[in-house]
């Protein structure tokens, strides 16, 4: 067994999840911005090495609001269609410095 205890965390990037909910939404990435996919819903999170491209339509499965007031969306795994890269990650709704909206509401491919 065993389990590591954490020390007192008063580092500057103490961003935490405030609330999280399941969603099923589509967004189109801003035409002027691509962005990196993050491993967890924090501005300081490690990047997964994947990125989303300008104008790309994304499907998301979770919405997360952090204690810093940032909104993150969890990508729905795209599976084999995207070359097998099925790992999910998180993208930010807004640019962390400029505050510019990066994810624009979009229609899903079905469009019932």
N, C-alpha and C. Protein backbone atom coordinates (compact mmCIF):
# COMPACT_ATOMS: atom_id res chain seq x y z
N UNK A 1 0.82 -1.21 0.00
CA UNK A 1 0.00 0.00 0.00
C UNK A 1 0.84 1.24 0.00
N UNK A 2 0.78 1.96 1.09
CA UNK A 2 1.51 3.21 1.16
C UNK A 2 0.74 4.30 0.44
N UNK A 3 1.09 5.54 0.71
CA UNK A 3 0.43 6.65 0.03
C UNK A 3 1.18 7.91 0.36
N UNK A 4 1.48 8.71 -0.65
CA UNK A 4 2.27 9.91 -0.41
C UNK A 4 1.41 11.01 0.16
N UNK A 5 1.88 11.68 1.20
CA UNK A 5 1.17 12.83 1.73
C UNK A 5 1.65 14.06 0.99
N UNK A 6 0.78 15.03 0.81
CA UNK A 6 1.16 16.26 0.13
C UNK A 6 1.52 17.31 1.15
N UNK A 7 2.44 18.17 0.81
CA UNK A 7 2.82 19.24 1.72
C UNK A 7 1.80 20.36 1.64
N UNK A 8 2.06 21.44 2.36
CA UNK A 8 1.16 22.59 2.29
C UNK A 8 1.37 23.27 0.95
N UNK A 9 0.33 23.37 0.15
CA UNK A 9 0.50 23.93 -1.18
C UNK A 9 0.08 25.39 -1.23
N UNK A 10 1.04 26.29 -1.04
CA UNK A 10 0.67 27.68 -1.26
C UNK A 10 1.51 28.24 -2.39
N UNK A 11 1.69 27.44 -3.43
CA UNK A 11 2.32 27.94 -4.64
C UNK A 11 1.36 28.90 -5.33
N UNK A 12 1.86 29.58 -6.34
CA UNK A 12 1.02 30.59 -6.98
C UNK A 12 -0.07 29.97 -7.85
N UNK A 13 0.21 28.80 -8.45
CA UNK A 13 -0.78 28.23 -9.36
C UNK A 13 -1.62 27.21 -8.61
N UNK A 14 -2.38 27.68 -7.64
CA UNK A 14 -3.21 26.78 -6.85
C UNK A 14 -4.62 26.71 -7.43
N UNK A 15 -4.69 26.74 -8.76
CA UNK A 15 -5.99 26.68 -9.43
C UNK A 15 -6.61 25.31 -9.21
N UNK A 16 -7.86 25.29 -8.80
CA UNK A 16 -8.53 24.03 -8.53
C UNK A 16 -9.88 24.00 -9.24
N UNK A 17 -10.40 22.79 -9.36
CA UNK A 17 -11.71 22.62 -9.96
C UNK A 17 -12.77 23.11 -8.99
N UNK A 18 -13.59 24.02 -9.45
CA UNK A 18 -14.69 24.50 -8.61
C UNK A 18 -15.95 23.70 -8.88
N UNK A 19 -16.28 23.53 -10.15
CA UNK A 19 -17.39 22.66 -10.46
C UNK A 19 -17.18 22.07 -11.85
N UNK A 20 -17.79 20.91 -12.04
CA UNK A 20 -17.61 20.19 -13.29
C UNK A 20 -18.94 19.54 -13.63
N UNK A 21 -19.29 19.52 -14.90
CA UNK A 21 -20.54 18.89 -15.29
C UNK A 21 -20.39 18.26 -16.65
N UNK A 22 -21.20 17.22 -16.88
CA UNK A 22 -21.20 16.55 -18.17
C UNK A 22 -22.02 17.35 -19.16
N UNK A 23 -21.48 17.49 -20.35
CA UNK A 23 -22.17 18.21 -21.41
C UNK A 23 -21.98 17.43 -22.71
N UNK A 24 -22.66 17.85 -23.75
CA UNK A 24 -22.40 17.31 -25.09
C UNK A 24 -22.55 18.48 -26.04
N UNK A 25 -21.44 19.17 -26.27
CA UNK A 25 -21.46 20.42 -27.02
C UNK A 25 -20.42 20.39 -28.13
N UNK A 26 -20.65 21.24 -29.11
CA UNK A 26 -19.68 21.42 -30.19
C UNK A 26 -19.20 22.86 -30.19
N UNK A 27 -17.90 23.02 -30.43
CA UNK A 27 -17.32 24.35 -30.57
C UNK A 27 -16.45 24.39 -31.80
N UNK A 28 -16.36 25.58 -32.39
CA UNK A 28 -15.42 25.79 -33.47
C UNK A 28 -14.29 26.66 -32.92
N UNK A 29 -13.07 26.25 -33.19
CA UNK A 29 -11.92 27.00 -32.71
C UNK A 29 -11.84 28.32 -33.48
N UNK A 30 -11.50 29.38 -32.77
CA UNK A 30 -11.38 30.71 -33.36
C UNK A 30 -10.49 30.66 -34.60
N UNK A 31 -10.89 31.33 -35.69
CA UNK A 31 -10.13 31.22 -36.94
C UNK A 31 -8.71 31.74 -36.87
N UNK A 32 -8.40 32.55 -35.87
CA UNK A 32 -7.05 33.12 -35.76
C UNK A 32 -6.17 32.43 -34.74
N UNK A 33 -6.73 31.45 -34.02
CA UNK A 33 -5.96 30.84 -32.93
C UNK A 33 -6.06 29.32 -32.97
N UNK A 34 -4.91 28.67 -32.87
CA UNK A 34 -4.92 27.27 -32.47
C UNK A 34 -4.54 27.24 -31.00
N UNK A 35 -4.68 26.12 -30.36
CA UNK A 35 -4.21 26.04 -28.98
C UNK A 35 -3.84 24.62 -28.61
N UNK A 36 -3.00 24.53 -27.60
CA UNK A 36 -2.57 23.22 -27.13
C UNK A 36 -3.63 22.61 -26.23
N UNK A 37 -3.69 21.28 -26.29
CA UNK A 37 -4.57 20.53 -25.41
C UNK A 37 -3.83 20.29 -24.10
N UNK A 38 -4.51 20.57 -22.99
CA UNK A 38 -3.88 20.41 -21.68
C UNK A 38 -4.30 19.08 -21.06
N UNK A 39 -3.42 18.59 -20.18
CA UNK A 39 -3.67 17.29 -19.55
C UNK A 39 -4.73 17.40 -18.45
N UNK A 40 -4.86 18.57 -17.84
CA UNK A 40 -5.86 18.76 -16.80
C UNK A 40 -6.40 20.19 -16.90
N UNK A 41 -7.55 20.46 -16.31
CA UNK A 41 -8.19 21.76 -16.47
C UNK A 41 -7.57 22.85 -15.60
N UNK A 42 -6.33 23.18 -15.90
CA UNK A 42 -5.62 24.25 -15.21
C UNK A 42 -4.75 24.98 -16.22
N UNK A 43 -4.64 26.29 -16.06
CA UNK A 43 -3.80 27.06 -16.97
C UNK A 43 -2.36 26.55 -16.92
N UNK A 44 -1.89 26.17 -15.74
CA UNK A 44 -0.51 25.74 -15.58
C UNK A 44 -0.30 24.26 -15.89
N UNK A 45 -1.34 23.60 -16.35
CA UNK A 45 -1.25 22.16 -16.61
C UNK A 45 -0.23 21.84 -17.69
N UNK A 46 0.31 20.64 -17.60
CA UNK A 46 1.17 20.15 -18.68
C UNK A 46 0.34 19.99 -19.95
N UNK A 47 0.99 20.17 -21.08
CA UNK A 47 0.31 19.98 -22.36
C UNK A 47 0.48 18.53 -22.81
N UNK A 48 -0.52 18.03 -23.51
CA UNK A 48 -0.47 16.62 -23.92
C UNK A 48 0.38 16.43 -25.16
N UNK A 49 0.76 17.51 -25.83
CA UNK A 49 1.48 17.39 -27.08
C UNK A 49 0.56 17.50 -28.28
N UNK A 50 -0.74 17.43 -28.03
CA UNK A 50 -1.69 17.62 -29.11
C UNK A 50 -2.13 19.08 -29.15
N UNK A 51 -2.66 19.47 -30.30
CA UNK A 51 -3.17 20.83 -30.44
C UNK A 51 -4.46 20.78 -31.24
N UNK A 52 -5.25 21.81 -31.12
CA UNK A 52 -6.43 21.96 -31.97
C UNK A 52 -6.14 23.11 -32.94
N UNK A 53 -6.65 22.98 -34.14
CA UNK A 53 -6.33 23.91 -35.22
C UNK A 53 -7.41 24.99 -35.35
N UNK A 54 -7.02 26.15 -35.87
CA UNK A 54 -8.03 27.18 -36.15
C UNK A 54 -9.15 26.62 -37.03
N UNK A 55 -10.38 26.99 -36.70
CA UNK A 55 -11.59 26.57 -37.41
C UNK A 55 -11.96 25.10 -37.20
N UNK A 56 -11.18 24.37 -36.44
CA UNK A 56 -11.53 22.97 -36.19
C UNK A 56 -12.78 22.90 -35.31
N UNK A 57 -13.67 21.97 -35.63
CA UNK A 57 -14.86 21.77 -34.81
C UNK A 57 -14.57 20.67 -33.78
N UNK A 58 -14.81 21.00 -32.53
CA UNK A 58 -14.51 20.09 -31.42
C UNK A 58 -15.80 19.64 -30.76
N UNK A 59 -15.82 18.41 -30.33
CA UNK A 59 -16.92 17.93 -29.50
C UNK A 59 -16.38 17.77 -28.08
N UNK A 60 -17.13 18.28 -27.12
CA UNK A 60 -16.67 18.22 -25.74
C UNK A 60 -17.67 17.47 -24.88
N UNK A 61 -17.15 16.84 -23.82
CA UNK A 61 -18.01 16.00 -22.99
C UNK A 61 -18.10 16.48 -21.54
N UNK A 62 -17.24 17.43 -21.15
CA UNK A 62 -17.33 17.97 -19.80
C UNK A 62 -16.97 19.44 -19.81
N UNK A 63 -17.60 20.16 -18.92
CA UNK A 63 -17.29 21.58 -18.72
C UNK A 63 -16.78 21.74 -17.29
N UNK A 64 -15.68 22.43 -17.14
CA UNK A 64 -15.09 22.64 -15.83
C UNK A 64 -14.86 24.12 -15.59
N UNK A 65 -15.31 24.60 -14.43
CA UNK A 65 -15.01 25.96 -14.01
C UNK A 65 -14.03 25.88 -12.84
N UNK A 66 -12.96 26.67 -12.90
CA UNK A 66 -11.95 26.61 -11.86
C UNK A 66 -12.10 27.75 -10.87
N UNK A 67 -11.35 27.64 -9.79
CA UNK A 67 -11.39 28.66 -8.75
C UNK A 67 -10.84 30.00 -9.25
N UNK A 68 -10.12 29.97 -10.36
CA UNK A 68 -9.61 31.21 -10.96
C UNK A 68 -10.63 31.83 -11.92
N UNK A 69 -11.76 31.14 -12.10
CA UNK A 69 -12.78 31.64 -13.00
C UNK A 69 -12.57 31.26 -14.45
N UNK A 70 -11.63 30.37 -14.71
CA UNK A 70 -11.41 29.90 -16.07
C UNK A 70 -12.35 28.75 -16.40
N UNK A 71 -12.75 28.68 -17.65
CA UNK A 71 -13.62 27.60 -18.10
C UNK A 71 -12.82 26.70 -19.05
N UNK A 72 -12.88 25.42 -18.77
CA UNK A 72 -12.21 24.42 -19.61
C UNK A 72 -13.24 23.43 -20.11
N UNK A 73 -12.99 22.90 -21.31
CA UNK A 73 -13.84 21.85 -21.85
C UNK A 73 -13.00 20.63 -22.14
N UNK A 74 -13.56 19.47 -21.78
CA UNK A 74 -12.85 18.22 -22.02
C UNK A 74 -13.24 17.67 -23.38
N UNK A 75 -12.24 17.38 -24.18
CA UNK A 75 -12.51 16.87 -25.52
C UNK A 75 -13.07 15.46 -25.46
N UNK A 76 -14.07 15.20 -26.27
CA UNK A 76 -14.55 13.83 -26.47
C UNK A 76 -13.52 13.11 -27.34
N UNK A 77 -13.16 11.91 -26.94
CA UNK A 77 -12.15 11.16 -27.70
C UNK A 77 -12.61 11.00 -29.14
N UNK A 78 -11.71 11.33 -30.05
CA UNK A 78 -12.09 11.29 -31.46
C UNK A 78 -11.84 9.94 -32.12
N UNK A 79 -11.15 9.06 -31.41
CA UNK A 79 -11.03 7.69 -31.90
C UNK A 79 -10.21 7.55 -33.16
N UNK A 80 -10.43 6.47 -33.88
CA UNK A 80 -9.59 6.10 -35.01
C UNK A 80 -9.66 7.13 -36.14
N UNK A 81 -10.74 7.86 -36.22
CA UNK A 81 -10.89 8.83 -37.31
C UNK A 81 -9.79 9.87 -37.27
N UNK A 82 -9.27 10.13 -36.09
CA UNK A 82 -8.22 11.14 -35.97
C UNK A 82 -6.84 10.48 -35.87
N UNK A 83 -6.69 9.37 -36.54
CA UNK A 83 -5.39 8.72 -36.54
C UNK A 83 -5.09 7.97 -35.26
N UNK A 84 -6.12 7.56 -34.56
CA UNK A 84 -5.91 6.73 -33.38
C UNK A 84 -5.59 7.52 -32.12
N UNK A 85 -5.50 8.85 -32.21
CA UNK A 85 -5.16 9.61 -31.01
C UNK A 85 -6.39 9.80 -30.14
N UNK A 86 -6.74 8.78 -29.39
CA UNK A 86 -8.01 8.81 -28.68
C UNK A 86 -7.91 9.41 -27.28
N UNK A 87 -6.70 9.85 -26.90
CA UNK A 87 -6.62 10.39 -25.56
C UNK A 87 -7.34 11.74 -25.50
N UNK A 88 -8.00 11.97 -24.39
CA UNK A 88 -8.72 13.21 -24.25
C UNK A 88 -7.83 14.23 -23.56
N UNK A 89 -8.26 15.43 -23.56
CA UNK A 89 -7.55 16.48 -22.86
C UNK A 89 -8.51 17.65 -22.69
N UNK A 90 -7.97 18.76 -22.24
CA UNK A 90 -8.79 19.93 -21.92
C UNK A 90 -8.34 21.12 -22.74
N UNK A 91 -9.31 21.91 -23.19
CA UNK A 91 -9.00 23.15 -23.88
C UNK A 91 -9.69 24.31 -23.16
N UNK A 92 -9.10 25.47 -23.25
CA UNK A 92 -9.63 26.64 -22.56
C UNK A 92 -10.66 27.35 -23.42
N UNK A 93 -11.70 27.87 -22.76
CA UNK A 93 -12.70 28.64 -23.48
C UNK A 93 -12.14 29.98 -23.93
N UNK A 94 -11.33 30.59 -23.08
CA UNK A 94 -10.79 31.92 -23.38
C UNK A 94 -9.27 31.93 -23.26
N UNK A 95 -8.69 32.86 -23.97
CA UNK A 95 -7.25 33.06 -23.88
C UNK A 95 -6.90 33.53 -22.48
N UNK A 96 -5.94 32.87 -21.81
CA UNK A 96 -5.70 33.19 -20.39
C UNK A 96 -5.21 34.61 -20.17
N UNK A 97 -4.52 35.20 -21.14
CA UNK A 97 -4.02 36.56 -20.96
C UNK A 97 -4.92 37.61 -21.60
N UNK A 98 -5.34 37.35 -22.83
CA UNK A 98 -6.13 38.35 -23.55
C UNK A 98 -7.61 38.31 -23.19
N UNK A 99 -8.08 37.16 -22.67
CA UNK A 99 -9.50 37.04 -22.38
C UNK A 99 -10.36 36.86 -23.62
N UNK A 100 -9.71 36.67 -24.75
CA UNK A 100 -10.45 36.53 -26.01
C UNK A 100 -11.11 35.16 -26.08
N UNK A 101 -12.36 35.14 -26.56
CA UNK A 101 -13.09 33.88 -26.68
C UNK A 101 -12.45 33.04 -27.79
N UNK A 102 -11.99 31.84 -27.43
CA UNK A 102 -11.31 30.97 -28.38
C UNK A 102 -12.22 29.88 -28.95
N UNK A 103 -13.24 29.52 -28.18
CA UNK A 103 -14.15 28.45 -28.61
C UNK A 103 -15.51 29.08 -28.93
N UNK A 104 -15.90 29.00 -30.18
CA UNK A 104 -17.14 29.61 -30.63
C UNK A 104 -18.19 28.52 -30.77
N UNK A 105 -19.41 28.76 -30.29
CA UNK A 105 -20.45 27.73 -30.38
C UNK A 105 -20.64 27.28 -31.82
N UNK A 106 -20.76 25.98 -32.01
CA UNK A 106 -20.89 25.41 -33.35
C UNK A 106 -21.99 24.36 -33.35
N UNK A 107 -22.44 24.05 -34.55
CA UNK A 107 -23.42 22.98 -34.71
C UNK A 107 -22.68 21.65 -34.87
N UNK A 108 -23.27 20.61 -34.33
CA UNK A 108 -22.70 19.29 -34.53
C UNK A 108 -22.91 18.84 -35.96
N UNK A 109 -22.18 17.80 -36.38
CA UNK A 109 -22.30 17.31 -37.76
C UNK A 109 -23.69 16.80 -38.09
N UNK A 110 -24.41 16.31 -37.08
CA UNK A 110 -25.75 15.80 -37.34
C UNK A 110 -26.72 16.93 -37.66
N UNK A 111 -26.77 17.93 -36.81
CA UNK A 111 -27.64 19.08 -37.02
C UNK A 111 -29.09 18.69 -37.20
N UNK A 112 -29.68 18.00 -36.24
CA UNK A 112 -31.05 17.54 -36.38
C UNK A 112 -31.99 18.72 -36.46
